[in-house]
Amino acid sequence: MALLLWVWLGCTVFVLGCAWRAYRYASAPEHLRWDLYPVAHEPNAYGGSYLEEKDWWTKPRHSSLVREAVFMAEEILLLRGVWTHNRRLWWGSFPFHWGLYLMVAVTFGLAAAALGLGGQPLLLALAVVGGLGGALLAVGSVVLLYLRARDPKLRPYTAPVDLMNLVLLALLGILSALVANGGMEPVAAAVADLAQARPVSASTLLATQMTVASLFLLYLPATRMVHFFSKYFTYHAVRWDDRPREAGSALDRRLRAALDFGVDWSAEHVRTGKTWAEVATTLPEEKSAGE
């Protein structure tokens, strides 16, 4: 019963925590709008913008969902950004992410198996995929742990919680690979117990794996690993948001509201006590002789 309650607690906090974080992102004030190109949905091959065209406001806008989908697939499946900007990190990040992808796929597969779907072929496939996913997660976590601990460029951006995440995920990967090696029939039975809120019948190894997995789910919403969904906002609502501002539109109202925010810090060009609209439309105040 304790394992049942722990797993349900981890899953519940995970779902509610991620929903809360997504709501906060979606309801945040409008982002700072500046031109970041290329934009994935722009059909221009050279990476420019429709704003460069003469009389662009008189012409219909064109966007390519195919180009956007291809960009997203390359980023999610191949980690193109990491490969381009930090190739050394890619060698740990790629197996790490694919290990997580495969383990998520196994979770859905186990849910189907717990419902009696797929039979023995599905369980055999899940054992192979689960073993591979666990091994990739463990290897990727160890490589990333080494790089974060030893690379002077990464060390300033590494908090203790980042190292804890990697240690925990390396342990989870090892346990998951060992569980998969023993066959998925007991795992599917345990998932059926969880779904029906029955005391879970599990071996010590499986119970340990489920405990570690639930611990990870429990605190994941409070970490930077929520980028698995927050990237939707950073890409679609920030990097690729090239909507023109039209008077009276929802975007116009959100931007006007953002300009009314007060400034609570000061510098030579910004004085506290003003709104951002006042800062943007007035010249910096000159310092007096005594300042």
Protein backbone atom coordinates (compact mmCIF):
# COMPACT_ATOMS: atom_id res chain seq x y z
CA MET A 1 0.00 0.00 0.00
CA ALA A 2 2.86 2.40 0.75
CA LEU A 3 4.25 1.92 -2.76
CA LEU A 4 0.80 2.52 -4.26
CA LEU A 5 0.38 5.80 -2.37
CA TRP A 6 3.92 6.95 -3.20
CA VAL A 7 3.53 6.32 -6.93
CA TRP A 8 0.14 8.01 -7.02
CA LEU A 9 1.56 10.98 -5.10
CA GLY A 10 4.44 11.33 -7.57
CA CYS A 11 2.15 11.12 -10.61
CA THR A 12 -0.39 13.56 -9.14
CA VAL A 13 2.21 16.17 -8.20
CA PHE A 14 3.82 15.76 -11.63
CA VAL A 15 0.58 16.40 -13.51
CA LEU A 16 -0.61 19.27 -11.31
CA GLY A 17 2.86 20.84 -11.10
CA CYS A 18 3.36 20.79 -14.86
CA ALA A 19 -0.15 22.17 -15.41
CA TRP A 20 0.59 25.03 -13.00
CA ARG A 21 3.91 25.83 -14.66
CA ALA A 22 2.26 25.78 -18.11
CA TYR A 23 -0.48 28.11 -16.87
CA ARG A 24 2.12 30.52 -15.50
CA TYR A 25 3.95 30.56 -18.83
CA ALA A 26 0.75 31.02 -20.82
CA SER A 27 -0.52 33.86 -18.60
CA ALA A 28 2.80 35.71 -18.35
CA PRO A 29 3.02 39.27 -19.74
CA GLU A 30 3.91 39.69 -23.38
CA HIS A 31 7.54 38.97 -24.08
CA LEU A 32 10.05 41.56 -25.24
CA ARG A 33 9.39 41.67 -28.97
CA TRP A 34 12.54 41.97 -30.99
CA ASP A 35 13.45 40.44 -34.31
CA LEU A 36 15.02 36.99 -33.95
CA TYR A 37 15.64 35.40 -37.32
CA PRO A 38 15.43 33.01 -39.01
CA VAL A 39 11.86 32.14 -38.06
CA ALA A 40 11.06 28.50 -38.80
CA HIS A 41 7.69 29.11 -40.44
CA GLU A 42 9.02 31.80 -42.82
CA PRO A 43 9.01 30.41 -46.38
CA ASN A 44 12.00 32.59 -47.31
CA ALA A 45 14.94 30.25 -47.84
CA TYR A 46 17.51 32.91 -46.98
CA GLY A 47 16.14 33.29 -43.45
CA GLY A 48 14.77 36.80 -43.81
CA SER A 49 11.41 38.25 -42.86
CA TYR A 50 8.23 39.34 -44.57
CA LEU A 51 8.90 42.72 -42.91
CA GLU A 52 11.70 43.26 -45.45
CA GLU A 53 9.27 43.24 -48.35
CA LYS A 54 8.04 46.51 -49.80
CA ASP A 55 4.55 47.41 -48.60
CA TRP A 56 4.40 44.16 -46.61
CA TRP A 57 1.26 45.27 -44.77
CA THR A 58 -0.71 45.24 -48.03
CA LYS A 59 0.20 41.63 -48.86
CA PRO A 60 -1.12 38.36 -47.42
CA ARG A 61 1.19 36.64 -44.97
CA HIS A 62 2.51 33.17 -45.79
CA SER A 63 3.86 30.68 -43.31
CA SER A 64 5.02 27.08 -43.67
CA LEU A 65 3.91 24.58 -41.06
CA VAL A 66 6.08 21.98 -42.81
CA ARG A 67 9.26 23.99 -42.22
CA GLU A 68 8.24 24.50 -38.60
CA ALA A 69 7.54 20.77 -38.14
CA VAL A 70 10.88 19.82 -39.68
CA PHE A 71 12.72 22.23 -37.39
CA MET A 72 10.94 20.84 -34.35
CA ALA A 73 11.65 17.24 -35.36
CA GLU A 74 15.35 17.99 -35.81
CA GLU A 75 15.49 19.75 -32.46
CA ILE A 76 13.59 17.06 -30.54
CA LEU A 77 14.94 13.92 -32.20
CA LEU A 78 18.47 14.99 -33.14
CA LEU A 79 19.11 17.83 -30.65
CA ARG A 80 20.30 20.03 -33.49
CA GLY A 81 20.81 23.07 -31.28
CA VAL A 82 23.16 21.22 -28.94
CA TRP A 83 25.04 19.73 -31.90
CA THR A 84 25.51 23.18 -33.42
CA HIS A 85 26.42 25.16 -30.32
CA ASN A 86 28.06 22.64 -27.96
CA ARG A 87 29.00 19.44 -29.76
CA ARG A 88 30.93 18.02 -26.83
CA LEU A 89 27.80 18.20 -24.69
CA TRP A 90 25.78 16.52 -27.45
CA TRP A 91 27.54 13.19 -26.90
CA GLY A 92 25.97 12.98 -23.45
CA SER A 93 22.76 14.85 -24.15
CA PHE A 94 21.73 12.72 -27.13
CA PRO A 95 21.70 9.33 -25.35
CA PHE A 96 20.27 11.00 -22.24
CA HIS A 97 17.25 12.37 -24.10
CA TRP A 98 16.70 9.25 -26.18
CA GLY A 99 16.82 7.17 -23.02
CA LEU A 100 14.02 9.32 -21.61
CA TYR A 101 12.07 9.13 -24.88
CA LEU A 102 12.23 5.33 -24.91
CA MET A 103 11.24 5.08 -21.26
CA VAL A 104 8.22 7.29 -21.86
CA ALA A 105 7.29 5.04 -24.79
CA VAL A 106 7.65 1.98 -22.53
CA THR A 107 5.35 3.61 -19.95
CA PHE A 108 2.59 3.99 -22.54
CA GLY A 109 3.25 0.47 -23.78
CA LEU A 110 2.93 -0.90 -20.26
CA ALA A 111 -0.41 0.87 -19.89
CA ALA A 112 -1.59 -0.95 -23.03
CA ALA A 113 -0.21 -4.25 -21.74
CA ALA A 114 -1.95 -3.75 -18.39
CA LEU A 115 -5.23 -3.50 -20.34
CA GLY A 116 -4.50 -6.86 -21.94
CA LEU A 117 -3.48 -5.45 -25.33
CA GLY A 118 -0.57 -6.66 -27.43
CA GLY A 119 0.06 -9.92 -25.63
CA GLN A 120 3.48 -11.52 -25.43
CA PRO A 121 4.92 -9.77 -28.53
CA LEU A 122 4.28 -6.37 -26.94
CA LEU A 123 5.90 -7.45 -23.67
CA LEU A 124 8.97 -8.73 -25.52
CA ALA A 125 9.23 -5.46 -27.46
CA LEU A 126 8.89 -3.47 -24.24
CA ALA A 127 11.66 -5.49 -22.63
CA VAL A 128 14.03 -4.66 -25.50
CA VAL A 129 13.05 -0.99 -25.65
CA GLY A 130 13.08 -0.65 -21.86
CA GLY A 131 16.53 -2.20 -21.56
CA LEU A 132 17.90 0.04 -24.31
CA GLY A 133 16.23 3.13 -22.87
CA GLY A 134 17.55 2.46 -19.39
CA ALA A 135 21.08 1.89 -20.69
CA LEU A 136 21.04 5.07 -22.79
CA LEU A 137 19.70 7.10 -19.86
CA ALA A 138 22.39 5.77 -17.54
CA VAL A 139 25.23 6.37 -20.02
CA GLY A 140 23.97 9.85 -20.94
CA SER A 141 23.55 10.82 -17.30
CA VAL A 142 27.08 9.71 -16.42
CA VAL A 143 28.59 11.60 -19.38
CA LEU A 144 26.64 14.76 -18.53
CA LEU A 145 27.57 14.42 -14.88
CA TYR A 146 31.25 14.25 -15.82
CA LEU A 147 31.01 17.23 -18.18
CA ARG A 148 29.11 19.39 -15.68
CA ALA A 149 31.55 18.55 -12.93
CA ARG A 150 34.75 18.97 -14.98
CA ASP A 151 34.04 21.38 -17.84
CA PRO A 152 34.98 24.94 -16.71
CA LYS A 153 32.48 26.39 -19.21
CA LEU A 154 29.58 24.42 -17.73
CA ARG A 155 30.56 24.63 -14.07
CA PRO A 156 29.22 28.19 -13.52
CA TYR A 157 25.81 27.08 -14.83
CA THR A 158 25.67 23.90 -12.75
CA ALA A 159 23.72 23.99 -9.50
CA PRO A 160 23.78 21.16 -6.92
CA VAL A 161 20.25 20.19 -8.00
CA ASP A 162 21.54 19.58 -11.56
CA LEU A 163 24.08 17.09 -10.26
CA MET A 164 21.44 15.45 -8.06
CA ASN A 165 19.15 15.09 -11.09
CA LEU A 166 21.85 13.33 -13.08
CA VAL A 167 22.81 10.98 -10.24
CA LEU A 168 19.16 10.07 -9.69
CA LEU A 169 18.53 9.55 -13.41
CA ALA A 170 21.66 7.43 -13.79
CA LEU A 171 20.34 5.25 -10.96
CA LEU A 172 16.90 5.15 -12.57
CA GLY A 173 18.42 4.10 -15.89
CA ILE A 174 20.38 1.27 -14.32
CA LEU A 175 17.37 0.02 -12.36
CA SER A 176 15.12 0.24 -15.43
CA ALA A 177 17.58 -1.77 -17.53
CA LEU A 178 17.78 -4.44 -14.83
CA VAL A 179 13.99 -4.60 -14.51
CA ALA A 180 13.59 -4.94 -18.28
CA ASN A 181 16.16 -7.71 -18.35
CA GLY A 182 13.93 -9.73 -16.01
CA GLY A 183 10.91 -9.47 -18.31
CA MET A 184 7.98 -7.11 -18.44
CA GLU A 185 5.19 -9.40 -17.24
CA PRO A 186 5.62 -8.41 -13.55
CA VAL A 187 5.87 -4.74 -14.51
CA ALA A 188 2.62 -4.88 -16.49
CA ALA A 189 0.95 -6.58 -13.52
CA ALA A 190 2.22 -3.85 -11.18
CA VAL A 191 0.90 -1.16 -13.54
CA ALA A 192 -2.50 -2.89 -13.52
CA ASP A 193 -2.44 -2.82 -9.71
CA LEU A 194 -1.64 0.89 -9.77
CA ALA A 195 -4.40 1.67 -12.26
CA GLN A 196 -6.97 -0.16 -10.11
CA ALA A 197 -5.64 1.35 -6.84
CA ARG A 198 -4.73 -2.05 -5.44
CA PRO A 199 -1.70 -2.78 -3.25
CA VAL A 200 1.18 -3.28 -5.69
CA SER A 201 2.78 -6.70 -5.92
CA ALA A 202 6.39 -6.11 -6.93
CA SER A 203 9.86 -7.51 -6.36
CA THR A 204 12.40 -5.54 -4.39
CA LEU A 205 14.11 -4.47 -7.63
CA LEU A 206 10.89 -3.33 -9.27
CA ALA A 207 9.68 -1.59 -6.11
CA THR A 208 12.99 0.30 -5.89
CA GLN A 209 12.76 1.32 -9.55
CA MET A 210 9.19 2.55 -9.08
CA THR A 211 10.16 4.45 -5.92
CA VAL A 212 13.03 6.24 -7.67
CA ALA A 213 10.87 7.01 -10.72
CA SER A 214 8.13 8.47 -8.51
CA LEU A 215 10.65 10.59 -6.62
CA PHE A 216 11.86 12.01 -9.93
CA LEU A 217 8.29 12.79 -11.05
CA LEU A 218 7.55 14.37 -7.69
CA TYR A 219 10.13 17.14 -7.94
CA LEU A 220 10.47 17.43 -11.75
CA PRO A 221 7.92 20.31 -12.07
CA ALA A 222 10.13 22.45 -9.81
CA THR A 223 13.22 22.02 -12.01
CA ARG A 224 14.45 23.28 -15.37
CA MET A 225 13.58 19.91 -16.88
CA VAL A 226 10.09 21.24 -17.58
CA HIS A 227 11.62 22.44 -20.83
CA PHE A 228 10.01 19.36 -22.40
CA PHE A 229 6.86 21.51 -22.61
CA SER A 230 8.12 25.03 -21.84
CA LYS A 231 10.01 25.01 -25.14
CA TYR A 232 6.63 25.40 -26.81
CA PHE A 233 6.40 28.87 -25.26
CA THR A 234 10.04 29.86 -25.84
CA TYR A 235 9.83 28.88 -29.50
CA HIS A 236 6.24 29.52 -30.61
CA ALA A 237 5.46 32.45 -28.30
CA VAL A 238 8.87 34.14 -28.30
CA ARG A 239 11.39 33.16 -30.98
CA TRP A 240 8.82 32.62 -33.73
CA ASP A 241 6.27 35.24 -32.74
CA ASP A 242 6.50 37.67 -35.66
CA ARG A 243 2.88 38.81 -35.65
CA PRO A 244 2.48 42.45 -36.65
CA ARG A 245 1.07 44.74 -33.97
CA GLU A 246 -2.34 45.98 -35.05
CA ALA A 247 -4.15 48.73 -33.18
CA GLY A 248 -6.89 47.36 -30.94
CA SER A 249 -5.76 43.74 -31.25
CA ALA A 250 -5.20 41.41 -28.28
CA LEU A 251 -1.46 41.71 -28.87
CA ASP A 252 -1.69 45.50 -28.84
CA ARG A 253 -3.57 45.44 -25.50
CA ARG A 254 -1.02 43.06 -23.95
CA LEU A 255 1.88 45.24 -25.08
CA ARG A 256 0.23 48.39 -23.75
CA ALA A 257 -0.28 46.66 -20.41
CA ALA A 258 3.40 45.66 -20.35
CA LEU A 259 4.46 49.27 -21.03
CA ASP A 260 2.52 50.36 -17.94
CA PHE A 261 4.64 48.17 -15.66
CA GLY A 262 6.69 50.16 -13.19
CA VAL A 263 10.48 50.25 -13.17
CA ASP A 264 11.93 49.21 -9.81
CA TRP A 265 15.63 49.49 -10.65
CA SER A 266 17.79 52.36 -11.84
CA ALA A 267 20.81 53.01 -14.02
CA GLU A 268 22.27 55.97 -15.87
CA HIS A 269 19.66 55.62 -18.60
CA VAL A 270 16.77 54.34 -16.46
CA ARG A 271 15.30 55.88 -13.33
CA THR A 272 13.09 54.05 -10.87
CA GLY A 273 9.54 55.27 -10.26
CA LYS A 274 8.64 55.52 -13.96
CA THR A 275 6.73 53.20 -16.25
CA TRP A 276 8.44 51.51 -19.18
CA ALA A 277 6.43 53.71 -21.53
CA GLU A 278 7.92 56.81 -19.86
CA VAL A 279 11.43 55.34 -19.96
CA ALA A 280 11.08 54.53 -23.66
CA THR A 281 9.71 57.94 -24.66
CA THR A 282 11.83 60.33 -22.60
CA LEU A 283 15.50 61.21 -22.65
CA PRO A 284 17.63 60.11 -19.68
CA GLU A 285 17.80 62.68 -16.95
CA GLU A 286 21.11 64.47 -16.56
CA LYS A 287 22.91 64.02 -13.28
CA SER A 288 23.32 67.06 -11.06
CA ALA A 289 26.79 68.24 -10.10
CA GLY A 290 26.58 66.57 -6.71
CA GLU A 291 25.65 63.15 -8.07
